[in-house]
Amino acid sequence: MDRRGAQDQDVVVVGASVAGLLTAAALARDGRHLTLLDRDDLPDTAEPRTGVPQGRQPHLLLHRGLRAIEALLPGFGADLRAAGAVRVDTGDLAWLGVLGWSPPCRQLEILLATRPLIEHVLRARVLGLPGVQVVGGTRATGLRRGDATGPRWRVDTEPAGWRDGPAGRSTEPDAWGADLVVDASGRASRLPRWLHALGLPDAPVEGLDAHVGYSTVRVRLPRERVAAKGVVILAAPGVIGGMALPAEDDVWTVTGFGAGARRPPRDLPGLREFLGHVRDDSLARVVAAGDVEGDVATHRQTGNQRHRYDRVNPWPDGLLVVGDALCALNPVYGQGMTVAALMAQTVRAADERGPLTAPGAAARVVRECVEAGEAPWQMATGADRALLGLPGPRSPVAVLAGRWVGELERLSTHGDTAAQVSLARVYQLEGAPTTLFHPRLVRRWVRARVRGYGPPVPRPTVLRDDVSEPVGDGR
């Protein structure tokens, strides 16, 4: 059955999760018919779903990601806060890095909420845009070129319960006609198989898997019981870590994470024991202070992987790929939704320049989306290489940059807020890495080397019954 509508510009987006929804927001306009297909039956409320295996893990919107979504959907941040999301300045987090605690200082605001709530609010906003429909329970099974008298592409689909193989096929597939197809189906994308069936060369695949795993438990704990806005304890080679972050409805998501043989267990007693071995006991104490709700949620699909579709020549016109289907990062670093938003902005900018179905236009957009994910890719793979104990880049510039970041982290853990703010801006993709070499930071480092770094930042107050000393501003 041909699902092509009467509009002269039909768009099909495969995947209705964050990347697909944001790309739909970027493309929606009068005169365009846009259909999002998803294999899950999409809920009417903020509920976890099977197609998002990390949906019960902690989620945050980095400041840069929130700005990008606001550009696509003005007022989205206010809608998410009204639904219960928690606004936090990252400078108010109790943050324990490899070298010590970071100083409290004003940095950049982020929004903390559960993944189901973020998707629920986002889906409601996107469904309110002109010409947009979301079709759940529908699994994309193939991509075919159209004929000269019809749409450029046809996306074959089956009901989500259908399985590969002749015995599983009960009906002929539906064919959703489209002038433009966007693959936003995530890590499980079948695009490599579809391109191969179209006779196109395979895309090179880059990957790095540190075998990071994390386990999360929901703890109901009134926010006033916790002095810190949240707790982050970074992992390191041979060292486990974790975090405790607030979400809507006085719920805290408490997570333990580690790599390889030190990944956290899947049961609550085991997770409690695991958190007791983290460098600071604040995570274990947050769990002990509240009421645990539900089972432990575990996620171990954390390898970094990107398909270099920008190197496929020729790239077919009228076909885009975004989000994890293009560049999947270790979710523990919290960059995925922000990268999806940046790619959606890239798609909108290209759409405003001219027709995305024009010869060569899609190939150019794919290259630009790869570029949008380049800095987060380098950050995530660099951190995972360190977890694996692998050597970093050997170029003199890269070696110097790595050592300089280490010096700035040392300054930060001794109370230098300028160094901390600069590092935080780069992490949140608001500052270019070159800003870390600002002369002001160099002068502060020289002064510390001559006069001494001063005392380390003391442990901050986490729970109200903690005792902590005040922290200076490092000036």
Protein backbone atom coordinates (compact mmCIF):
# COMPACT_ATOMS: atom_id res chain seq x y z
CA MET A 1 0.00 0.00 0.00
CA ASP A 2 1.38 3.42 -0.98
CA ARG A 3 1.18 5.88 1.94
CA ARG A 4 2.30 8.89 -0.11
CA GLY A 5 0.23 11.96 0.73
CA ALA A 6 -0.98 14.74 -1.51
CA GLN A 7 1.75 17.18 -0.50
CA ASP A 8 4.51 17.80 -2.99
CA GLN A 9 7.19 17.36 -0.32
CA ASP A 10 6.84 14.20 1.75
CA VAL A 11 9.40 13.43 4.48
CA VAL A 12 9.71 10.14 6.35
CA VAL A 13 11.80 10.03 9.53
CA VAL A 14 12.69 6.53 10.71
CA GLY A 15 12.76 6.72 14.52
CA ALA A 16 10.65 8.91 16.81
CA SER A 17 13.04 9.23 19.72
CA VAL A 18 14.95 12.44 20.56
CA ALA A 19 17.01 12.66 17.35
CA GLY A 20 14.01 11.92 15.15
CA LEU A 21 11.72 14.34 16.97
CA LEU A 22 14.27 17.15 16.86
CA THR A 23 14.93 16.60 13.16
CA ALA A 24 11.19 16.66 12.56
CA ALA A 25 11.05 19.99 14.41
CA ALA A 26 13.81 21.26 12.14
CA LEU A 27 11.98 20.23 8.96
CA ALA A 28 8.32 20.90 9.80
CA ARG A 29 6.73 23.72 7.84
CA ASP A 30 3.55 24.55 5.95
CA GLY A 31 3.18 22.58 2.75
CA ARG A 32 5.28 19.66 3.92
CA HIS A 33 3.92 16.30 5.09
CA LEU A 34 6.23 14.71 7.67
CA THR A 35 5.79 11.21 9.10
CA LEU A 36 7.81 9.72 11.95
CA LEU A 37 7.85 5.92 12.11
CA ASP A 38 8.79 4.08 15.29
CA ARG A 39 8.74 0.41 16.19
CA ASP A 40 7.44 1.13 19.71
CA ASP A 41 3.83 1.80 20.59
CA LEU A 42 4.38 5.34 21.82
CA PRO A 43 2.73 6.08 25.18
CA ASP A 44 0.47 9.04 25.86
CA THR A 45 2.23 9.64 29.19
CA ALA A 46 5.84 9.86 30.37
CA GLU A 47 6.63 6.14 30.52
CA PRO A 48 9.78 4.13 29.71
CA ARG A 49 9.66 2.15 26.46
CA THR A 50 11.58 -0.83 25.16
CA GLY A 51 13.10 1.02 22.22
CA VAL A 52 15.13 3.21 24.59
CA PRO A 53 17.22 0.71 26.59
CA GLN A 54 18.84 3.49 28.62
CA GLY A 55 15.49 5.18 29.30
CA ARG A 56 15.63 4.52 33.06
CA GLN A 57 19.15 5.91 33.40
CA PRO A 58 19.86 9.53 34.45
CA HIS A 59 19.53 12.14 31.71
CA LEU A 60 20.52 15.74 31.41
CA LEU A 61 20.34 18.44 28.80
CA LEU A 62 23.66 20.25 28.53
CA HIS A 63 23.40 24.02 28.25
CA ARG A 64 24.38 23.97 24.57
CA GLY A 65 21.80 21.30 23.86
CA LEU A 66 19.07 23.26 25.60
CA ARG A 67 19.94 26.36 23.57
CA ALA A 68 19.79 24.34 20.37
CA ILE A 69 16.37 22.88 21.22
CA GLU A 70 15.08 26.33 22.17
CA ALA A 71 16.10 27.55 18.71
CA LEU A 72 14.08 24.73 17.17
CA LEU A 73 11.16 24.80 19.63
CA PRO A 74 11.00 28.13 21.48
CA GLY A 75 9.73 27.69 25.03
CA PHE A 76 10.67 24.03 25.27
CA GLY A 77 12.78 24.61 28.40
CA ALA A 78 9.88 26.33 30.15
CA ASP A 79 7.56 23.48 29.16
CA LEU A 80 9.99 20.90 30.52
CA ARG A 81 10.40 22.80 33.80
CA ALA A 82 6.64 23.12 34.12
CA ALA A 83 6.43 19.34 33.76
CA GLY A 84 8.86 18.89 36.65
CA ALA A 85 12.40 19.09 35.24
CA VAL A 86 14.99 20.40 37.69
CA ARG A 87 17.11 23.39 36.73
CA VAL A 88 20.65 23.13 38.12
CA ASP A 89 23.77 25.25 37.75
CA THR A 90 26.58 22.75 37.21
CA GLY A 91 28.73 24.83 39.53
CA ASP A 92 26.44 23.76 42.38
CA LEU A 93 27.11 20.06 41.79
CA ALA A 94 29.41 18.23 44.18
CA TRP A 95 31.92 17.09 41.54
CA LEU A 96 34.83 14.79 42.39
CA GLY A 97 37.33 14.42 39.58
CA VAL A 98 40.47 12.34 39.44
CA LEU A 99 42.50 15.05 41.19
CA GLY A 100 39.93 16.20 43.73
CA TRP A 101 36.75 18.22 44.29
CA SER A 102 35.78 21.08 41.99
CA PRO A 103 35.12 24.48 43.58
CA PRO A 104 31.53 25.74 43.80
CA CYS A 105 31.04 28.66 41.41
CA ARG A 106 28.54 30.02 38.92
CA GLN A 107 28.78 28.07 35.64
CA LEU A 108 26.06 27.05 33.18
CA GLU A 109 22.53 25.81 33.83
CA ILE A 110 21.34 22.39 32.74
CA LEU A 111 17.98 20.64 33.01
CA LEU A 112 17.64 17.29 34.76
CA ALA A 113 14.67 15.02 34.09
CA THR A 114 13.91 11.41 33.31
CA ARG A 115 14.20 10.37 29.67
CA PRO A 116 10.48 9.49 29.43
CA LEU A 117 9.53 13.00 30.56
CA ILE A 118 11.91 14.66 28.08
CA GLU A 119 10.53 12.56 25.21
CA HIS A 120 6.93 13.10 26.30
CA VAL A 121 7.24 16.89 26.33
CA LEU A 122 9.25 16.90 23.12
CA ARG A 123 6.79 14.64 21.30
CA ALA A 124 3.84 16.80 22.36
CA ARG A 125 5.55 19.91 21.02
CA VAL A 126 6.50 18.28 17.71
CA LEU A 127 3.01 16.87 17.15
CA GLY A 128 1.72 20.43 17.38
CA LEU A 129 3.77 21.49 14.35
CA PRO A 130 2.17 21.71 10.88
CA GLY A 131 2.01 18.54 8.82
CA VAL A 132 3.58 16.20 11.43
CA GLN A 133 2.29 12.75 12.34
CA VAL A 134 3.87 10.01 14.46
CA VAL A 135 3.12 6.37 13.67
CA GLY A 136 4.05 3.86 16.36
CA GLY A 137 4.20 0.08 16.27
CA THR A 138 5.79 0.23 12.82
CA ARG A 139 9.15 -1.29 11.98
CA ALA A 140 11.10 -0.03 8.94
CA THR A 141 12.38 -3.06 7.04
CA GLY A 142 13.85 -1.67 3.85
CA LEU A 143 14.61 1.32 1.67
CA ARG A 144 13.93 1.30 -2.09
CA ARG A 145 14.31 3.87 -4.79
CA GLY A 146 11.04 5.09 -6.24
CA ASP A 147 10.11 5.17 -9.88
CA ALA A 148 10.07 8.07 -12.31
CA THR A 149 6.37 8.79 -11.74
CA GLY A 150 6.31 8.56 -7.93
CA PRO A 151 8.31 9.63 -4.90
CA ARG A 152 12.10 9.41 -4.83
CA TRP A 153 12.11 6.81 -2.00
CA ARG A 154 9.89 4.13 -0.54
CA VAL A 155 10.37 2.99 3.05
CA ASP A 156 9.07 -0.55 3.52
CA THR A 157 7.52 -1.31 6.91
CA GLU A 158 5.89 -4.15 8.81
CA PRO A 159 4.03 -4.24 12.12
CA ALA A 160 6.58 -4.17 14.93
CA GLY A 161 6.01 -7.81 15.86
CA TRP A 162 7.04 -9.08 12.45
CA ARG A 163 10.32 -11.02 12.20
CA ASP A 164 12.78 -11.57 9.35
CA GLY A 165 12.31 -14.62 7.20
CA PRO A 166 9.63 -15.93 4.83
CA ALA A 167 7.76 -17.70 7.64
CA GLY A 168 7.32 -14.43 9.49
CA ARG A 169 5.79 -12.47 6.60
CA SER A 170 2.03 -12.43 6.74
CA THR A 171 1.24 -9.45 4.51
CA GLU A 172 2.87 -7.36 1.85
CA PRO A 173 4.89 -4.50 3.36
CA ASP A 174 3.49 -0.99 3.46
CA ALA A 175 5.52 1.45 1.41
CA TRP A 176 5.74 4.98 2.71
CA GLY A 177 6.66 7.23 -0.18
CA ALA A 178 9.02 10.11 0.50
CA ASP A 179 10.96 12.78 -1.32
CA LEU A 180 13.31 12.90 1.67
CA VAL A 181 14.14 10.09 4.13
CA VAL A 182 15.90 10.65 7.47
CA ASP A 183 17.38 7.73 9.38
CA ALA A 184 17.15 8.53 13.11
CA SER A 185 16.75 4.93 14.26
CA GLY A 186 19.69 4.93 16.69
CA ARG A 187 22.38 2.35 17.33
CA ALA A 188 20.22 -0.41 15.82
CA SER A 189 20.06 1.38 12.45
CA ARG A 190 19.75 -0.88 9.43
CA LEU A 191 21.07 1.76 7.07
CA PRO A 192 24.35 -0.10 6.35
CA ARG A 193 22.31 -3.08 5.13
CA TRP A 194 19.97 -0.87 3.10
CA LEU A 195 22.83 0.96 1.40
CA HIS A 196 24.47 -2.34 0.53
CA ALA A 197 21.22 -3.55 -1.03
CA LEU A 198 21.19 -0.35 -3.11
CA GLY A 199 24.61 -1.24 -4.48
CA LEU A 200 26.47 1.50 -2.61
CA PRO A 201 29.91 1.03 -1.01
CA ASP A 202 30.15 0.26 2.69
CA ALA A 203 30.82 3.18 5.00
CA PRO A 204 33.94 2.94 7.18
CA VAL A 205 33.02 2.39 10.84
CA GLU A 206 35.05 3.84 13.71
CA GLY A 207 34.58 2.56 17.22
CA LEU A 208 35.96 2.39 20.73
CA ASP A 209 34.37 0.37 23.51
CA ALA A 210 35.69 0.76 27.05
CA HIS A 211 33.09 -1.80 28.22
CA VAL A 212 31.59 0.73 30.60
CA GLY A 213 28.47 -0.40 32.41
CA TYR A 214 26.19 1.42 34.78
CA SER A 215 23.37 0.52 37.10
CA THR A 216 20.76 2.94 38.40
CA VAL A 217 18.18 2.92 41.15
CA ARG A 218 15.42 5.46 41.75
CA VAL A 219 15.35 6.93 45.25
CA ARG A 220 12.49 9.09 46.52
CA LEU A 221 14.06 11.75 48.68
CA PRO A 222 12.79 15.29 49.30
CA ARG A 223 15.14 17.77 47.69
CA GLU A 224 15.57 19.72 50.92
CA ARG A 225 17.19 16.67 52.52
CA VAL A 226 20.14 16.99 50.13
CA ALA A 227 22.41 20.00 50.47
CA ALA A 228 24.13 19.52 47.10
CA LYS A 229 22.26 19.99 43.84
CA GLY A 230 23.69 16.66 42.72
CA VAL A 231 26.79 14.51 43.07
CA VAL A 232 29.17 13.35 40.34
CA ILE A 233 32.16 11.11 41.10
CA LEU A 234 34.20 10.39 38.00
CA ALA A 235 35.63 6.99 37.20
CA ALA A 236 39.29 6.47 36.27
CA PRO A 237 41.43 3.50 35.18
CA GLY A 238 40.78 0.86 37.83
CA VAL A 239 38.54 3.25 39.81
CA ILE A 240 34.74 3.10 39.88
CA GLY A 241 32.46 6.13 39.98
CA GLY A 242 28.84 7.19 40.05
CA MET A 243 26.37 10.02 40.34
CA ALA A 244 23.23 11.08 42.14
CA LEU A 245 21.06 13.52 40.20
CA PRO A 246 17.59 14.88 40.95
CA ALA A 247 14.68 14.50 38.56
CA GLU A 248 11.01 15.37 38.67
CA ASP A 249 8.73 14.48 41.62
CA ASP A 250 11.43 14.38 44.33
CA VAL A 251 13.08 11.40 42.66
CA TRP A 252 16.85 10.97 42.60
CA THR A 253 18.55 8.67 40.11
CA VAL A 254 21.58 7.14 41.81
CA THR A 255 24.01 5.42 39.48
CA GLY A 256 27.20 3.43 39.84
CA PHE A 257 29.49 2.92 36.86
CA GLY A 258 32.74 1.18 36.07
CA ALA A 259 34.58 -0.45 33.18
CA GLY A 260 35.31 -4.07 32.32
CA ALA A 261 35.33 -6.42 35.28
CA ARG A 262 34.43 -3.51 37.58
CA ARG A 263 31.02 -2.84 36.08
CA PRO A 264 28.28 -2.61 38.73
CA PRO A 265 25.95 -5.55 39.45
CA ARG A 266 22.31 -5.77 38.44
CA ASP A 267 20.72 -6.33 41.88
CA LEU A 268 20.04 -3.82 44.65
CA PRO A 269 22.15 -5.45 47.39
CA GLY A 270 25.05 -5.71 44.96
CA LEU A 271 24.64 -2.10 43.85
CA ARG A 272 24.57 -0.90 47.45
CA GLU A 273 27.81 -2.74 48.07
CA PHE A 274 29.30 -1.35 44.85
CA LEU A 275 28.45 2.25 45.85
CA GLY A 276 30.08 1.62 49.21
CA HIS A 277 33.39 1.11 47.41
CA VAL A 278 33.25 4.40 45.47
CA ARG A 279 35.92 6.93 46.55
CA ASP A 280 33.36 8.97 48.49
CA ASP A 281 30.45 7.47 50.43
CA SER A 282 27.92 10.18 49.50
CA LEU A 283 26.19 8.06 46.83
CA ALA A 284 25.66 5.16 49.20
CA ARG A 285 24.36 7.59 51.80
CA VAL A 286 21.83 9.14 49.38
CA VAL A 287 20.44 5.66 48.67
CA ALA A 288 20.29 4.89 52.39
CA ALA A 289 18.53 8.20 53.15
CA GLY A 290 15.50 7.67 50.90
CA ASP A 291 13.00 5.08 49.73
CA VAL A 292 14.13 2.93 46.81
CA GLU A 293 11.50 2.57 44.08
CA GLY A 294 11.48 -0.26 41.56
CA ASP A 295 14.28 -2.51 40.39
CA VAL A 296 17.84 -1.72 39.42
CA ALA A 297 18.15 -0.63 35.76
CA THR A 298 21.38 -1.72 34.08
CA HIS A 299 22.87 -0.55 30.79
CA ARG A 300 26.02 -1.86 29.12
CA GLN A 301 25.60 -0.84 25.49
CA THR A 302 28.05 2.04 25.81
CA GLY A 303 30.60 1.68 23.02
CA ASN A 304 31.39 4.71 20.88
CA GLN A 305 30.63 4.09 17.20
CA ARG A 306 30.27 6.28 14.16
CA HIS A 307 29.57 5.42 10.56
CA ARG A 308 31.57 7.59 8.19
CA TYR A 309 28.78 8.07 5.69
CA ASP A 310 30.53 11.28 4.72
CA ARG A 311 33.05 9.05 2.92
CA VAL A 312 30.49 7.13 0.87
CA ASN A 313 30.69 8.25 -2.74
CA PRO A 314 28.29 8.70 -4.33
CA TRP A 315 25.91 9.45 -1.49
CA PRO A 316 22.27 9.14 -2.57
CA ASP A 317 20.27 12.33 -2.90
CA GLY A 318 17.30 12.77 -0.58
CA LEU A 319 18.73 10.61 2.24
CA LEU A 320 19.94 11.94 5.61
CA VAL A 321 21.17 10.24 8.78
CA VAL A 322 21.29 11.83 12.25
CA GLY A 323 21.77 11.00 15.93
CA ASP A 324 23.12 7.66 17.11
CA ALA A 325 22.54 6.15 13.67
CA LEU A 326 25.42 8.36 12.57
CA CYS A 327 27.48 8.95 15.72
CA ALA A 328 26.75 7.04 18.94
CA LEU A 329 28.67 8.12 22.04
CA ASN A 330 29.15 6.52 25.44
CA PRO A 331 25.93 7.70 27.17
CA VAL A 332 27.68 8.11 30.51
CA TYR A 333 29.06 11.48 29.35
CA GLY A 334 25.60 12.93 28.76
CA GLN A 335 26.27 14.31 25.26
CA GLY A 336 23.82 12.33 23.12
CA MET A 337 20.75 14.57 23.21
CA THR A 338 22.90 17.67 22.71
CA VAL A 339 24.60 16.16 19.66
CA ALA A 340 21.17 15.24 18.26
CA ALA A 341 20.02 18.83 18.74
CA LEU A 342 23.12 20.21 17.01
CA MET A 343 22.56 17.88 14.07
CA ALA A 344 18.92 18.97 13.87
CA GLN A 345 20.07 22.59 13.75
CA THR A 346 22.42 21.61 10.94
CA VAL A 347 19.50 20.10 9.00
CA ARG A 348 17.38 23.23 9.51
CA ALA A 349 20.15 25.52 8.31
CA ALA A 350 20.59 23.39 5.19
CA ASP A 351 16.82 23.36 4.56
CA GLU A 352 16.81 27.14 4.74
CA ARG A 353 19.64 27.34 2.20
CA GLY A 354 17.78 25.37 -0.46
CA PRO A 355 16.06 22.10 -1.36
CA LEU A 356 17.48 19.13 0.55
CA THR A 357 16.58 16.93 -2.42
CA ALA A 358 18.81 18.91 -4.80
CA PRO A 359 21.80 17.05 -6.27
CA GLY A 360 24.58 16.82 -3.69
CA ALA A 361 22.58 18.55 -0.93
CA ALA A 362 22.10 15.45 1.23
CA ALA A 363 25.79 14.52 0.99
CA ARG A 364 26.72 18.01 2.16
CA VAL A 365 24.33 17.78 5.14
CA VAL A 366 25.73 14.38 6.16
CA ARG A 367 29.26 15.85 6.16
CA GLU A 368 28.08 18.78 8.27
CA CYS A 369 26.37 16.44 10.76
CA VAL A 370 29.60 14.46 11.12
CA GLU A 371 31.38 17.75 11.84
CA ALA A 372 28.73 18.68 14.43
CA GLY A 373 29.57 15.51 16.35
CA GLU A 374 33.35 15.75 16.00
CA ALA A 375 34.19 17.56 19.26
CA PRO A 376 31.92 15.34 21.42
CA TRP A 377 33.37 12.29 19.66
CA GLN A 378 36.90 13.34 20.55
CA MET A 379 35.89 14.02 24.17
CA ALA A 380 34.06 10.71 24.66
CA THR A 381 36.65 8.53 22.94
CA GLY A 382 39.47 10.38 24.69
CA ALA A 383 37.92 9.72 28.09
CA ASP A 384 37.27 6.07 27.23
CA ARG A 385 40.83 5.61 25.95
CA ALA A 386 42.02 6.83 29.34
CA LEU A 387 39.70 4.35 31.10
CA LEU A 388 41.23 1.57 29.03
CA GLY A 389 44.76 2.77 29.76
CA LEU A 390 45.41 3.26 26.06
CA PRO A 391 47.89 5.87 24.85
CA GLY A 392 46.39 9.10 23.58
CA PRO A 393 47.25 10.92 20.36
CA ARG A 394 50.99 11.13 19.79
CA SER A 395 51.21 14.43 17.95
CA PRO A 396 53.13 17.09 19.91
CA VAL A 397 50.13 19.44 19.86
CA ALA A 398 47.77 16.78 21.22
CA VAL A 399 50.24 15.74 23.94
CA LEU A 400 50.69 19.38 24.99
CA ALA A 401 46.92 19.97 25.03
CA GLY A 402 46.37 16.89 27.20
CA ARG A 403 48.96 17.99 29.71
CA TRP A 404 47.56 21.51 29.79
CA VAL A 405 44.04 20.24 30.53
CA GLY A 406 45.54 18.27 33.41
CA GLU A 407 47.14 21.46 34.75
CA LEU A 408 43.83 23.31 34.55
CA GLU A 409 42.14 20.48 36.42
CA ARG A 410 44.80 20.75 39.12
CA LEU A 411 44.19 24.50 39.37
CA SER A 412 40.47 23.86 39.67
CA THR A 413 40.78 21.33 42.48
CA HIS A 414 42.79 23.90 44.41
CA GLY A 415 40.01 26.47 44.17
CA ASP A 416 40.65 28.30 40.89
CA THR A 417 37.16 29.03 39.60
CA ALA A 418 38.37 30.59 36.34
CA ALA A 419 39.98 27.30 35.36
CA GLN A 420 36.86 25.37 36.39
CA VAL A 421 34.48 27.59 34.42
CA SER A 422 36.66 27.32 31.30
CA LEU A 423 36.75 23.51 31.54
CA ALA A 424 32.98 23.37 32.12
CA ARG A 425 32.23 25.54 29.10
CA VAL A 426 34.24 23.26 26.83
CA TYR A 427 32.59 20.15 28.28
CA GLN A 428 29.15 21.67 27.69
CA LEU A 429 30.16 22.52 24.10
CA GLU A 430 29.79 26.24 24.75
CA GLY A 431 33.48 27.02 24.40
CA ALA A 432 36.03 25.93 21.82
CA PRO A 433 38.99 23.91 23.15
CA THR A 434 41.25 26.80 22.11
CA THR A 435 39.68 28.93 24.88
CA LEU A 436 41.55 26.79 27.41
CA PHE A 437 44.77 28.48 26.25
CA HIS A 438 43.57 31.99 27.09
CA PRO A 439 46.45 34.17 28.41
CA ARG A 440 44.54 34.77 31.63
CA LEU A 441 44.59 31.05 32.42
CA VAL A 442 48.28 30.83 31.57
CA ARG A 443 49.02 33.70 33.97
CA ARG A 444 47.04 32.00 36.76
CA TRP A 445 48.95 28.77 36.18
CA VAL A 446 52.31 30.56 36.30
CA ARG A 447 51.31 32.28 39.53
CA ALA A 448 50.31 28.96 41.07
CA ARG A 449 53.60 27.40 40.05
CA VAL A 450 55.52 30.27 41.67
CA ARG A 451 53.43 30.87 44.78
CA GLY A 452 51.93 27.42 45.25
CA TYR A 453 48.52 25.99 44.41
CA GLY A 454 47.08 26.55 47.85
CA PRO A 455 44.90 24.10 49.79
CA PRO A 456 42.71 21.63 47.90
CA VAL A 457 38.97 22.20 47.71
CA PRO A 458 37.42 20.49 50.75
CA ARG A 459 34.67 17.94 50.45
CA PRO A 460 31.37 19.78 50.00
CA THR A 461 28.26 19.19 52.06
CA VAL A 462 26.12 16.55 50.36
CA LEU A 463 23.44 15.58 52.88
CA ARG A 464 22.17 17.98 55.52
CA ASP A 465 23.88 16.06 58.31
CA ASP A 466 27.28 16.34 56.62
CA VAL A 467 29.89 18.68 58.07
CA SER A 468 31.96 20.70 55.63
CA GLU A 469 34.18 23.77 55.66
CA PRO A 470 33.46 26.77 53.41
CA VAL A 471 35.26 26.89 50.08
CA GLY A 472 37.13 29.97 48.85
CA ASP A 473 36.73 31.39 45.36
CA GLY A 474 40.35 30.80 44.36
CA ARG A 475 41.07 34.40 43.42
